Amino acid sequence: MPERSHRRRALADPERIGVPYHPPSSSSENAGNGGNVDRVLFKNLVEMVPLVESLMGRRSTSSFTRRASMVYTPAPSHPPKVDMKARRTAQSVYAKKQSDVGDSALQKFAHDGDGVADDCRTFTSNPSTAGDLLKAREDVTMLRQQLDDLERKILEKDQALKVAEDSLNQMKAIKMQLDELKHQAAEKDSLIKVSNSQLSNAQIKLAEKQAVLEKLEWEAKTSNTKVEELQAGLDCMDFEIAALMQLFEELSKCDSATDPDNITMFHQVDHLPHIDDLDEAAIKKMEDARMAYATALAAAKENPSEESLTSVAEARVRLQAFVL
């Protein structure tokens, strides 16, 4: 309460605090009653409010033993070159805003109790302070809006950052899975290469074994051919031996003459009756069988197939039938 009384005394006596006093006009007396407000007085009120607030908030201390009047030196303004139409529009909007804010501020001051009307009259006595107050309030409102926008943007950025972190974690997990898949694929590729190498070695070994088998088959065929040749030669020798044995038997059956020295005298072979009487048909068949055997043997030498070998065997059997 003492502080509030001090503030009232300071507002009641503006010359005491170094603020020039401007007597209120007749229109400003109606501010407490909610009537129309003079624009000049309203501007003075708005410009005076920041100074009054600073003075009301200051406490007397030992450091400030003396008080002096405050001097306000406005900075030189250099208005930019803008379009006159846009400038008039901006000024009209700004004036409208000032009037609206001023009306609300005056109504608030008028309906506030316990000495607010006196403060309002004091504010209206200094138009520069009222303008500063209105400007400060506009700046505060603008700063609050900017702060709200910044908080909203920060919240959006936090959400976007959280989404980005989640996406980054997902990308890391996907990258880990991809690396694992690459590792597995590399292992499978190495296994495939090893399997291909083993398959190639097996194919080479199989080709070598097949070549060896073909060589053995060729050697077997060659051996069979040689065996057939030897068998044919043996059959021919058997046939010749059999023929010679038969000839000797025929010769032994012929009549022989014995001399006193037991020397057997044979007749001439050309005049042997048994040889002359031999069956020409049987000899011809034996010769045909021998020729057929020789032909089959020659064909088997040129083409050692199963059919040729069978023909050789059949011809040999027929020839052996005549000899034996």
C-alpha atoms as a PDB file:
ATOM      1  CA  MET A   1       0.000   0.000   0.000  1.00  0.00           C
ATOM      2  CA  PRO A   2       2.799   2.561   0.656  1.00  0.00           C
ATOM      3  CA  GLU A   3       4.270   1.775  -2.731  1.00  0.00           C
ATOM      4  CA  ARG A   4       0.892   2.326  -4.432  1.00  0.00           C
ATOM      5  CA  SER A   5       0.512   5.678  -2.605  1.00  0.00           C
ATOM      6  CA  HIS A   6       3.994   6.658  -3.728  1.00  0.00           C
ATOM      7  CA  ARG A   7       3.063   5.833  -7.320  1.00  0.00           C
ATOM      8  CA  ARG A   8      -0.106   7.922  -7.026  1.00  0.00           C
ATOM      9  CA  ARG A   9       1.822  10.907  -5.708  1.00  0.00           C
ATOM     10  CA  ALA A  10       4.338  10.557  -8.554  1.00  0.00           C
ATOM     11  CA  LEU A  11       1.577  10.465 -11.124  1.00  0.00           C
ATOM     12  CA  ALA A  12      -0.256  13.348  -9.479  1.00  0.00           C
ATOM     13  CA  ASP A  13       2.872  15.521  -9.541  1.00  0.00           C
ATOM     14  CA  PRO A  14       4.664  14.881 -12.834  1.00  0.00           C
ATOM     15  CA  GLU A  15       6.941  17.904 -12.401  1.00  0.00           C
ATOM     16  CA  ARG A  16       8.367  16.190  -9.348  1.00  0.00           C
ATOM     17  CA  ILE A  17       9.776  13.391 -11.467  1.00  0.00           C
ATOM     18  CA  GLY A  18      10.989  15.638 -14.269  1.00  0.00           C
ATOM     19  CA  VAL A  19       8.117  15.093 -16.715  1.00  0.00           C
ATOM     20  CA  PRO A  20       6.583  18.230 -18.188  1.00  0.00           C
ATOM     21  CA  TYR A  21       2.961  18.639 -17.237  1.00  0.00           C
ATOM     22  CA  HIS A  22       0.316  19.210 -19.892  1.00  0.00           C
ATOM     23  CA  PRO A  23      -3.062  20.144 -18.586  1.00  0.00           C
ATOM     24  CA  PRO A  24      -5.769  17.784 -19.770  1.00  0.00           C
ATOM     25  CA  SER A  25      -8.208  19.053 -22.309  1.00  0.00           C
ATOM     26  CA  SER A  26     -11.930  18.969 -21.977  1.00  0.00           C
ATOM     27  CA  SER A  27     -12.169  15.859 -24.096  1.00  0.00           C
ATOM     28  CA  SER A  28      -9.761  13.910 -21.853  1.00  0.00           C
ATOM     29  CA  GLU A  29     -12.020  14.446 -18.859  1.00  0.00           C
ATOM     30  CA  ASN A  30     -14.531  12.155 -20.489  1.00  0.00           C
ATOM     31  CA  ALA A  31     -12.051   9.255 -20.679  1.00  0.00           C
ATOM     32  CA  GLY A  32     -13.139   7.909 -17.337  1.00  0.00           C
ATOM     33  CA  ASN A  33     -16.765   8.117 -18.417  1.00  0.00           C
ATOM     34  CA  GLY A  34     -16.118   6.085 -21.599  1.00  0.00           C
ATOM     35  CA  GLY A  35     -16.635   8.985 -24.097  1.00  0.00           C
ATOM     36  CA  ASN A  36     -14.598   9.895 -27.156  1.00  0.00           C
ATOM     37  CA  VAL A  37     -10.866  10.368 -26.595  1.00  0.00           C
ATOM     38  CA  ASP A  38      -8.751  13.080 -28.109  1.00  0.00           C
ATOM     39  CA  ARG A  39      -6.158  11.479 -30.384  1.00  0.00           C
ATOM     40  CA  VAL A  40      -3.404  13.858 -29.336  1.00  0.00           C
ATOM     41  CA  LEU A  41      -4.010  13.143 -25.680  1.00  0.00           C
ATOM     42  CA  PHE A  42      -4.179   9.420 -26.403  1.00  0.00           C
ATOM     43  CA  LYS A  43      -0.834   9.570 -28.180  1.00  0.00           C
ATOM     44  CA  ASN A  44       0.686  11.460 -25.266  1.00  0.00           C
ATOM     45  CA  LEU A  45      -0.724   8.852 -22.893  1.00  0.00           C
ATOM     46  CA  VAL A  46       0.737   5.957 -24.841  1.00  0.00           C
ATOM     47  CA  GLU A  47       4.177   7.599 -25.048  1.00  0.00           C
ATOM     48  CA  MET A  48       4.157   8.321 -21.299  1.00  0.00           C
ATOM     49  CA  VAL A  49       3.292   4.808 -20.080  1.00  0.00           C
ATOM     50  CA  PRO A  50       6.797   3.187 -20.429  1.00  0.00           C
ATOM     51  CA  LEU A  51       8.400   6.034 -18.468  1.00  0.00           C
ATOM     52  CA  VAL A  52       5.776   5.805 -15.762  1.00  0.00           C
ATOM     53  CA  GLU A  53       6.148   2.046 -15.517  1.00  0.00           C
ATOM     54  CA  SER A  54       9.924   2.368 -15.208  1.00  0.00           C
ATOM     55  CA  LEU A  55       9.517   4.969 -12.497  1.00  0.00           C
ATOM     56  CA  MET A  56       6.891   2.926 -10.686  1.00  0.00           C
ATOM     57  CA  GLY A  57       9.099  -0.161 -10.747  1.00  0.00           C
ATOM     58  CA  ARG A  58      12.167   1.643  -9.436  1.00  0.00           C
ATOM     59  CA  ARG A  59      12.773   1.539  -5.702  1.00  0.00           C
ATOM     60  CA  SER A  60      14.684   4.201  -3.816  1.00  0.00           C
ATOM     61  CA  THR A  61      18.084   2.922  -2.682  1.00  0.00           C
ATOM     62  CA  SER A  62      21.211   4.408  -1.172  1.00  0.00           C
ATOM     63  CA  SER A  63      22.863   4.321  -4.551  1.00  0.00           C
ATOM     64  CA  PHE A  64      20.398   6.864  -5.947  1.00  0.00           C
ATOM     65  CA  THR A  65      20.498   9.711  -3.416  1.00  0.00           C
ATOM     66  CA  ARG A  66      19.757  12.420  -5.945  1.00  0.00           C
ATOM     67  CA  ARG A  67      17.162  12.548  -8.693  1.00  0.00           C
ATOM     68  CA  ALA A  68      17.263  14.413 -11.929  1.00  0.00           C
ATOM     69  CA  SER A  69      14.902  14.900 -14.803  1.00  0.00           C
ATOM     70  CA  MET A  70      15.085  12.423 -17.663  1.00  0.00           C
ATOM     71  CA  VAL A  71      15.857  13.737 -21.098  1.00  0.00           C
ATOM     72  CA  TYR A  72      14.497  11.910 -24.128  1.00  0.00           C
ATOM     73  CA  THR A  73      16.489  12.420 -27.323  1.00  0.00           C
ATOM     74  CA  PRO A  74      14.848  10.766 -30.314  1.00  0.00           C
ATOM     75  CA  ALA A  75      17.115   9.255 -32.921  1.00  0.00           C
ATOM     76  CA  PRO A  76      17.061  10.839 -36.394  1.00  0.00           C
ATOM     77  CA  SER A  77      14.744   8.931 -38.654  1.00  0.00           C
ATOM     78  CA  HIS A  78      15.534   8.158 -42.258  1.00  0.00           C
ATOM     79  CA  PRO A  79      12.336   6.913 -43.801  1.00  0.00           C
ATOM     80  CA  PRO A  80      12.889   4.576 -46.759  1.00  0.00           C
ATOM     81  CA  LYS A  81      11.558   5.404 -50.142  1.00  0.00           C
ATOM     82  CA  VAL A  82       8.348   3.495 -50.450  1.00  0.00           C
ATOM     83  CA  ASP A  83       5.223   3.759 -52.484  1.00  0.00           C
ATOM     84  CA  MET A  84       2.932   6.534 -51.279  1.00  0.00           C
ATOM     85  CA  LYS A  85      -0.160   4.375 -51.696  1.00  0.00           C
ATOM     86  CA  ALA A  86       1.306   1.579 -49.590  1.00  0.00           C
ATOM     87  CA  ARG A  87       2.506   4.130 -47.035  1.00  0.00           C
ATOM     88  CA  ARG A  88      -0.963   5.666 -46.694  1.00  0.00           C
ATOM     89  CA  THR A  89      -2.482   2.196 -46.320  1.00  0.00           C
ATOM     90  CA  ALA A  90       0.039   1.241 -43.609  1.00  0.00           C
ATOM     91  CA  GLN A  91      -0.534   4.523 -41.761  1.00  0.00           C
ATOM     92  CA  SER A  92      -4.302   4.058 -41.840  1.00  0.00           C
ATOM     93  CA  VAL A  93      -4.013   0.480 -40.535  1.00  0.00           C
ATOM     94  CA  TYR A  94      -1.571   1.551 -37.834  1.00  0.00           C
ATOM     95  CA  ALA A  95      -3.827   4.454 -36.787  1.00  0.00           C
ATOM     96  CA  LYS A  96      -6.794   2.101 -36.628  1.00  0.00           C
ATOM     97  CA  LYS A  97      -4.860  -0.340 -34.475  1.00  0.00           C
ATOM     98  CA  GLN A  98      -3.725   2.475 -32.195  1.00  0.00           C
ATOM     99  CA  SER A  99      -7.277   3.742 -31.794  1.00  0.00           C
ATOM    100  CA  ASP A 100      -8.608   0.269 -30.984  1.00  0.00           C
ATOM    101  CA  VAL A 101      -5.844  -0.462 -28.480  1.00  0.00           C
ATOM    102  CA  GLY A 102      -6.173   2.999 -26.972  1.00  0.00           C
ATOM    103  CA  ASP A 103      -9.928   2.642 -26.516  1.00  0.00           C
ATOM    104  CA  SER A 104      -9.493  -0.720 -24.820  1.00  0.00           C
ATOM    105  CA  ALA A 105      -6.724   0.636 -22.608  1.00  0.00           C
ATOM    106  CA  LEU A 106      -8.778   3.685 -21.621  1.00  0.00           C
ATOM    107  CA  GLN A 107     -11.837   1.562 -20.881  1.00  0.00           C
ATOM    108  CA  LYS A 108      -9.705  -0.714 -18.737  1.00  0.00           C
ATOM    109  CA  PHE A 109      -8.266   2.255 -16.887  1.00  0.00           C
ATOM    110  CA  ALA A 110     -11.730   3.788 -16.530  1.00  0.00           C
ATOM    111  CA  HIS A 111     -13.339   0.660 -15.008  1.00  0.00           C
ATOM    112  CA  ASP A 112     -10.371  -0.222 -12.776  1.00  0.00           C
ATOM    113  CA  GLY A 113     -10.856   0.663  -9.124  1.00  0.00           C
ATOM    114  CA  ASP A 114      -8.862   2.213  -6.347  1.00  0.00           C
ATOM    115  CA  GLY A 115      -7.093   5.162  -7.983  1.00  0.00           C
ATOM    116  CA  VAL A 116      -6.881   3.933 -11.585  1.00  0.00           C
ATOM    117  CA  ALA A 117      -8.863   6.939 -12.847  1.00  0.00           C
ATOM    118  CA  ASP A 118      -6.255   9.281 -11.344  1.00  0.00           C
ATOM    119  CA  ASP A 119      -3.497   7.286 -13.050  1.00  0.00           C
ATOM    120  CA  CYS A 120      -5.383   7.497 -16.345  1.00  0.00           C
ATOM    121  CA  ARG A 121      -5.684  11.274 -16.034  1.00  0.00           C
ATOM    122  CA  THR A 122      -1.982  11.476 -15.284  1.00  0.00           C
ATOM    123  CA  PHE A 123      -1.204   9.310 -18.316  1.00  0.00           C
ATOM    124  CA  THR A 124      -3.306  11.492 -20.552  1.00  0.00           C
ATOM    125  CA  SER A 125      -1.361  14.515 -19.357  1.00  0.00           C
ATOM    126  CA  ASN A 126       1.799  13.150 -21.106  1.00  0.00           C
ATOM    127  CA  PRO A 127       1.026  12.003 -24.681  1.00  0.00           C
ATOM    128  CA  SER A 128       4.589  10.848 -25.459  1.00  0.00           C
ATOM    129  CA  THR A 129       4.522   8.287 -22.638  1.00  0.00           C
ATOM    130  CA  ALA A 130       1.184   6.868 -23.817  1.00  0.00           C
ATOM    131  CA  GLY A 131       2.580   6.386 -27.323  1.00  0.00           C
ATOM    132  CA  ASP A 132       5.620   4.590 -25.942  1.00  0.00           C
ATOM    133  CA  LEU A 133       3.347   2.385 -23.861  1.00  0.00           C
ATOM    134  CA  LEU A 134       1.240   1.470 -26.862  1.00  0.00           C
ATOM    135  CA  LYS A 135       4.318   0.818 -28.923  1.00  0.00           C
ATOM    136  CA  ALA A 136       5.807  -1.298 -26.140  1.00  0.00           C
ATOM    137  CA  ARG A 137       2.590  -3.291 -25.887  1.00  0.00           C
ATOM    138  CA  GLU A 138       2.565  -3.811 -29.618  1.00  0.00           C
ATOM    139  CA  ASP A 139       6.178  -4.919 -29.455  1.00  0.00           C
ATOM    140  CA  VAL A 140       5.345  -7.300 -26.606  1.00  0.00           C
ATOM    141  CA  THR A 141       2.407  -8.697 -28.524  1.00  0.00           C
ATOM    142  CA  MET A 142       4.532  -9.113 -31.621  1.00  0.00           C
ATOM    143  CA  LEU A 143       7.294 -10.730 -29.575  1.00  0.00           C
ATOM    144  CA  ARG A 144       4.762 -13.091 -27.988  1.00  0.00           C
ATOM    145  CA  GLN A 145       3.475 -14.023 -31.417  1.00  0.00           C
ATOM    146  CA  GLN A 146       7.022 -14.552 -32.618  1.00  0.00           C
ATOM    147  CA  LEU A 147       7.739 -16.582 -29.487  1.00  0.00           C
ATOM    148  CA  ASP A 148       4.636 -18.697 -30.119  1.00  0.00           C
ATOM    149  CA  ASP A 149       5.708 -19.167 -33.721  1.00  0.00           C
ATOM    150  CA  LEU A 150       9.197 -20.101 -32.599  1.00  0.00           C
ATOM    151  CA  GLU A 151       7.833 -22.562 -30.044  1.00  0.00           C
ATOM    152  CA  ARG A 152       5.563 -24.053 -32.694  1.00  0.00           C
ATOM    153  CA  LYS A 153       8.463 -24.281 -35.132  1.00  0.00           C
ATOM    154  CA  ILE A 154      10.686 -25.814 -32.444  1.00  0.00           C
ATOM    155  CA  LEU A 155       7.967 -28.353 -31.677  1.00  0.00           C
ATOM    156  CA  GLU A 156       7.615 -29.154 -35.359  1.00  0.00           C
ATOM    157  CA  LYS A 157      11.374 -29.451 -35.693  1.00  0.00           C
ATOM    158  CA  ASP A 158      11.508 -31.703 -32.627  1.00  0.00           C
ATOM    159  CA  GLN A 159       8.837 -33.904 -34.155  1.00  0.00           C
ATOM    160  CA  ALA A 160      10.663 -33.884 -37.488  1.00  0.00           C
ATOM    161  CA  LEU A 161      13.918 -34.670 -35.672  1.00  0.00           C
ATOM    162  CA  LYS A 162      12.248 -37.552 -33.855  1.00  0.00           C
ATOM    163  CA  VAL A 163      10.864 -38.861 -37.149  1.00  0.00           C
ATOM    164  CA  ALA A 164      14.314 -38.448 -38.712  1.00  0.00           C
ATOM    165  CA  GLU A 165      15.908 -40.343 -35.806  1.00  0.00           C
ATOM    166  CA  ASP A 166      13.360 -43.124 -36.186  1.00  0.00           C
ATOM    167  CA  SER A 167      14.026 -43.215 -39.926  1.00  0.00           C
ATOM    168  CA  LEU A 168      17.766 -43.234 -39.241  1.00  0.00           C
ATOM    169  CA  ASN A 169      17.387 -46.133 -36.812  1.00  0.00           C
ATOM    170  CA  GLN A 170      15.289 -48.002 -39.369  1.00  0.00           C
ATOM    171  CA  MET A 171      17.902 -47.289 -42.038  1.00  0.00           C
ATOM    172  CA  LYS A 172      20.627 -48.571 -39.713  1.00  0.00           C
ATOM    173  CA  ALA A 173      18.624 -51.744 -39.049  1.00  0.00           C
ATOM    174  CA  ILE A 174      17.995 -52.193 -42.773  1.00  0.00           C
ATOM    175  CA  LYS A 175      21.682 -51.582 -43.473  1.00  0.00           C
ATOM    176  CA  MET A 176      22.631 -54.208 -40.895  1.00  0.00           C
ATOM    177  CA  GLN A 177      20.214 -56.673 -42.502  1.00  0.00           C
ATOM    178  CA  LEU A 178      21.614 -55.787 -45.923  1.00  0.00           C
ATOM    179  CA  ASP A 179      25.179 -56.347 -44.702  1.00  0.00           C
ATOM    180  CA  GLU A 180      24.114 -59.700 -43.241  1.00  0.00           C
ATOM    181  CA  LEU A 181      22.469 -60.665 -46.519  1.00  0.00           C
ATOM    182  CA  LYS A 182      25.593 -59.583 -48.416  1.00  0.00           C
ATOM    183  CA  HIS A 183      27.719 -61.690 -46.078  1.00  0.00           C
ATOM    184  CA  GLN A 184      25.456 -64.700 -46.595  1.00  0.00           C
ATOM    185  CA  ALA A 185      25.462 -64.119 -50.349  1.00  0.00           C
ATOM    186  CA  ALA A 186      29.282 -63.950 -50.323  1.00  0.00           C
ATOM    187  CA  GLU A 187      29.442 -67.217 -48.389  1.00  0.00           C
ATOM    188  CA  LYS A 188      27.029 -68.858 -50.829  1.00  0.00           C
ATOM    189  CA  ASP A 189      29.066 -67.531 -53.754  1.00  0.00           C
ATOM    190  CA  SER A 190      32.219 -69.019 -52.258  1.00  0.00           C
ATOM    191  CA  LEU A 191      30.432 -72.351 -51.726  1.00  0.00           C
ATOM    192  CA  ILE A 192      29.176 -72.244 -55.319  1.00  0.00           C
ATOM    193  CA  LYS A 193      32.698 -71.545 -56.574  1.00  0.00           C
ATOM    194  CA  VAL A 194      34.082 -74.440 -54.539  1.00  0.00           C
ATOM    195  CA  SER A 195      31.301 -76.725 -55.823  1.00  0.00           C
ATOM    196  CA  ASN A 196      31.986 -75.637 -59.405  1.00  0.00           C
ATOM    197  CA  SER A 197      35.694 -76.312 -58.930  1.00  0.00           C
ATOM    198  CA  GLN A 198      34.966 -79.762 -57.506  1.00  0.00           C
ATOM    199  CA  LEU A 199      32.528 -80.444 -60.341  1.00  0.00           C
ATOM    200  CA  SER A 200      35.123 -79.386 -62.907  1.00  0.00           C
ATOM    201  CA  ASN A 201      37.704 -81.678 -61.304  1.00  0.00           C
ATOM    202  CA  ALA A 202      35.185 -84.524 -61.275  1.00  0.00           C
ATOM    203  CA  GLN A 203      34.369 -83.903 -64.933  1.00  0.00           C
ATOM    204  CA  ILE A 204      38.078 -83.941 -65.790  1.00  0.00           C
ATOM    205  CA  LYS A 205      38.578 -87.194 -63.885  1.00  0.00           C
ATOM    206  CA  LEU A 206      35.498 -88.681 -65.541  1.00  0.00           C
ATOM    207  CA  ALA A 207      36.798 -87.666 -68.957  1.00  0.00           C
ATOM    208  CA  GLU A 208      40.162 -89.261 -68.155  1.00  0.00           C
ATOM    209  CA  LYS A 209      38.474 -92.462 -66.976  1.00  0.00           C
ATOM    210  CA  GLN A 210      36.278 -92.496 -70.059  1.00  0.00           C
ATOM    211  CA  ALA A 211      39.363 -92.103 -72.245  1.00  0.00           C
ATOM    212  CA  VAL A 212      41.024 -94.965 -70.377  1.00  0.00           C
ATOM    213  CA  LEU A 213      37.868 -97.071 -70.795  1.00  0.00           C
ATOM    214  CA  GLU A 214      37.748 -96.348 -74.511  1.00  0.00           C
ATOM    215  CA  LYS A 215      41.398 -97.259 -74.770  1.00  0.00           C
ATOM    216  CA  LEU A 216      40.751-100.516 -72.924  1.00  0.00           C
ATOM    217  CA  GLU A 217      37.782-101.257 -75.193  1.00  0.00           C
ATOM    218  CA  TRP A 218      39.927-100.630 -78.250  1.00  0.00           C
ATOM    219  CA  GLU A 219      42.683-102.849 -76.843  1.00  0.00           C
ATOM    220  CA  ALA A 220      40.094-105.524 -76.071  1.00  0.00           C
ATOM    221  CA  LYS A 221      38.758-105.351 -79.617  1.00  0.00           C
ATOM    222  CA  THR A 222      42.306-105.521 -80.940  1.00  0.00           C
ATOM    223  CA  SER A 223      43.019-108.507 -78.698  1.00  0.00           C
ATOM    224  CA  ASN A 224      39.825-110.196 -79.853  1.00  0.00           C
ATOM    225  CA  THR A 225      40.831-109.617 -83.445  1.00  0.00           C
ATOM    226  CA  LYS A 226      44.265-111.113 -82.788  1.00  0.00           C
ATOM    227  CA  VAL A 227      42.667-114.022 -80.989  1.00  0.00           C
ATOM    228  CA  GLU A 228      40.375-114.600 -83.957  1.00  0.00           C
ATOM    229  CA  GLU A 229      43.344-114.433 -86.307  1.00  0.00           C
ATOM    230  CA  LEU A 230      45.276-116.877 -84.176  1.00  0.00           C
ATOM    231  CA  GLN A 231      42.225-119.113 -83.945  1.00  0.00           C
ATOM    232  CA  ALA A 232      41.842-118.994 -87.720  1.00  0.00           C
ATOM    233  CA  GLY A 233      45.514-119.857 -88.182  1.00  0.00           C
ATOM    234  CA  LEU A 234      45.143-122.635 -85.678  1.00  0.00           C
ATOM    235  CA  ASP A 235      42.079-123.938 -87.513  1.00  0.00           C
ATOM    236  CA  CYS A 236      43.969-123.871 -90.787  1.00  0.00           C
ATOM    237  CA  MET A 237      46.827-125.748 -89.229  1.00  0.00           C
ATOM    238  CA  ASP A 238      44.386-128.251 -87.751  1.00  0.00           C
ATOM    239  CA  PHE A 239      42.802-128.637 -91.157  1.00  0.00           C
ATOM    240  CA  GLU A 240      46.160-129.203 -92.796  1.00  0.00           C
ATOM    241  CA  ILE A 241      47.249-131.621 -90.097  1.00  0.00           C
ATOM    242  CA  ALA A 242      43.990-133.510 -90.429  1.00  0.00           C
ATOM    243  CA  ALA A 243      44.386-133.639 -94.170  1.00  0.00           C
ATOM    244  CA  LEU A 244      47.941-134.941 -93.849  1.00  0.00           C
ATOM    245  CA  MET A 245      46.852-137.518 -91.280  1.00  0.00           C
ATOM    246  CA  GLN A 246      44.068-138.673 -93.557  1.00  0.00           C
ATOM    247  CA  LEU A 247      46.546-138.904 -96.413  1.00  0.00           C
ATOM    248  CA  PHE A 248      48.907-140.954 -94.334  1.00  0.00           C
ATOM    249  CA  GLU A 249      46.104-143.268 -93.277  1.00  0.00           C
ATOM    250  CA  GLU A 250      45.095-143.753 -96.872  1.00  0.00           C
ATOM    251  CA  LEU A 251      48.672-144.482 -97.804  1.00  0.00           C
ATOM    252  CA  SER A 252      49.054-146.980 -94.996  1.00  0.00           C
ATOM    253  CA  LYS A 253      46.051-148.925 -96.211  1.00  0.00           C
ATOM    254  CA  CYS A 254      47.507-149.413 -99.684  1.00  0.00           C
ATOM    255  CA  ASP A 255      49.093-152.671-100.591  1.00  0.00           C
ATOM    256  CA  SER A 256      52.768-152.749 -99.998  1.00  0.00           C
ATOM    257  CA  ALA A 257      55.510-155.128-101.116  1.00  0.00           C
ATOM    258  CA  THR A 258      58.170-156.307 -98.733  1.00  0.00           C
ATOM    259  CA  ASP A 259      61.664-157.276 -99.962  1.00  0.00           C
ATOM    260  CA  PRO A 260      63.937-159.765 -98.215  1.00  0.00           C
ATOM    261  CA  ASP A 261      65.462-156.940 -96.240  1.00  0.00           C
ATOM    262  CA  ASN A 262      62.032-155.998 -94.815  1.00  0.00           C
ATOM    263  CA  ILE A 263      61.931-152.814 -96.869  1.00  0.00           C
ATOM    264  CA  THR A 264      58.429-151.752 -97.738  1.00  0.00           C
ATOM    265  CA  MET A 265      57.963-150.593-101.289  1.00  0.00           C
ATOM    266  CA  PHE A 266      55.013-148.237-101.988  1.00  0.00           C
ATOM    267  CA  HIS A 267      53.332-147.885-105.278  1.00  0.00           C
ATOM    268  CA  GLN A 268      53.256-144.588-107.022  1.00  0.00           C
ATOM    269  CA  VAL A 269      50.817-142.162-105.425  1.00  0.00           C
ATOM    270  CA  ASP A 270      49.235-141.404-108.731  1.00  0.00           C
ATOM    271  CA  HIS A 271      48.278-145.021-109.174  1.00  0.00           C
ATOM    272  CA  LEU A 272      46.802-145.474-105.642  1.00  0.00           C
ATOM    273  CA  PRO A 273      43.296-146.776-106.161  1.00  0.00           C
ATOM    274  CA  HIS A 274      41.894-145.324-102.803  1.00  0.00           C
ATOM    275  CA  ILE A 275      43.070-141.835-103.523  1.00  0.00           C
ATOM    276  CA  ASP A 276      41.791-141.941-107.023  1.00  0.00           C
ATOM    277  CA  ASP A 277      38.465-143.203-105.765  1.00  0.00           C
ATOM    278  CA  LEU A 278      37.995-140.355-103.155  1.00  0.00           C
ATOM    279  CA  ASP A 279      34.624-138.549-103.119  1.00  0.00           C
ATOM    280  CA  GLU A 280      35.108-135.398-105.138  1.00  0.00           C
ATOM    281  CA  ALA A 281      31.874-133.894-103.741  1.00  0.00           C
ATOM    282  CA  ALA A 282      33.106-134.174-100.141  1.00  0.00           C
ATOM    283  CA  ILE A 283      36.411-132.564-101.015  1.00  0.00           C
ATOM    284  CA  LYS A 284      34.627-129.756-102.819  1.00  0.00           C
ATOM    285  CA  LYS A 285      32.365-129.122 -99.786  1.00  0.00           C
ATOM    286  CA  MET A 286      35.424-129.091 -97.516  1.00  0.00           C
ATOM    287  CA  GLU A 287      37.134-126.575 -99.746  1.00  0.00           C
ATOM    288  CA  ASP A 288      34.002-124.375 -99.842  1.00  0.00           C
ATOM    289  CA  ALA A 289      33.801-124.460 -96.060  1.00  0.00           C
ATOM    290  CA  ARG A 290      37.460-123.457 -95.818  1.00  0.00           C
ATOM    291  CA  MET A 291      36.959-120.593 -98.253  1.00  0.00           C
ATOM    292  CA  ALA A 292      33.864-119.413 -96.369  1.00  0.00           C
ATOM    293  CA  TYR A 293      35.812-119.502 -93.136  1.00  0.00           C
ATOM    294  CA  ALA A 294      38.664-117.515 -94.675  1.00  0.00           C
ATOM    295  CA  THR A 295      36.205-114.934 -96.084  1.00  0.00           C
ATOM    296  CA  ALA A 296      34.414-114.580 -92.732  1.00  0.00           C
ATOM    297  CA  LEU A 297      37.779-114.196 -90.989  1.00  0.00           C
ATOM    298  CA  ALA A 298      38.864-111.427 -93.405  1.00  0.00           C
ATOM    299  CA  ALA A 299      35.542-109.603 -92.892  1.00  0.00           C
ATOM    300  CA  ALA A 300      35.951-109.839 -89.120  1.00  0.00           C
ATOM    301  CA  LYS A 301      39.418-108.319 -89.393  1.00  0.00           C
ATOM    302  CA  GLU A 302      38.080-105.335 -91.306  1.00  0.00           C
ATOM    303  CA  ASN A 303      34.946-104.851 -89.141  1.00  0.00           C
ATOM    304  CA  PRO A 304      35.170-106.671 -85.803  1.00  0.00           C
ATOM    305  CA  SER A 305      31.468-106.608 -84.994  1.00  0.00           C
ATOM    306  CA  GLU A 306      29.302-109.175 -83.272  1.00  0.00           C
ATOM    307  CA  GLU A 307      27.751-110.326 -86.574  1.00  0.00           C
ATOM    308  CA  SER A 308      31.150-110.869 -88.213  1.00  0.00           C
ATOM    309  CA  LEU A 309      32.447-112.747 -85.184  1.00  0.00           C
ATOM    310  CA  THR A 310      29.311-114.926 -85.192  1.00  0.00           C
ATOM    311  CA  SER A 311      29.838-115.657 -88.899  1.00  0.00           C
ATOM    312  CA  VAL A 312      33.461-116.643 -88.218  1.00  0.00           C
ATOM    313  CA  ALA A 313      32.388-118.969 -85.412  1.00  0.00           C
ATOM    314  CA  GLU A 314      29.725-120.651 -87.594  1.00  0.00           C
ATOM    315  CA  ALA A 315      32.184-121.105 -90.511  1.00  0.00           C
ATOM    316  CA  ARG A 316      34.754-122.621 -88.132  1.00  0.00           C
ATOM    317  CA  VAL A 317      32.172-125.068 -86.773  1.00  0.00           C
ATOM    318  CA  ARG A 318      31.266-126.198 -90.320  1.00  0.00           C
ATOM    319  CA  LEU A 319      34.927-126.588 -91.237  1.00  0.00           C
ATOM    320  CA  GLN A 320      35.635-128.582 -88.074  1.00  0.00           C
ATOM    321  CA  ALA A 321      32.730-130.902 -88.979  1.00  0.00           C
ATOM    322  CA  PHE A 322      34.481-131.853 -92.216  1.00  0.00           C
ATOM    323  CA  VAL A 323      37.903-132.248 -90.616  1.00  0.00           C
ATOM    324  CA  LEU A 324      36.838-134.167 -87.546  1.00  0.00           C
END
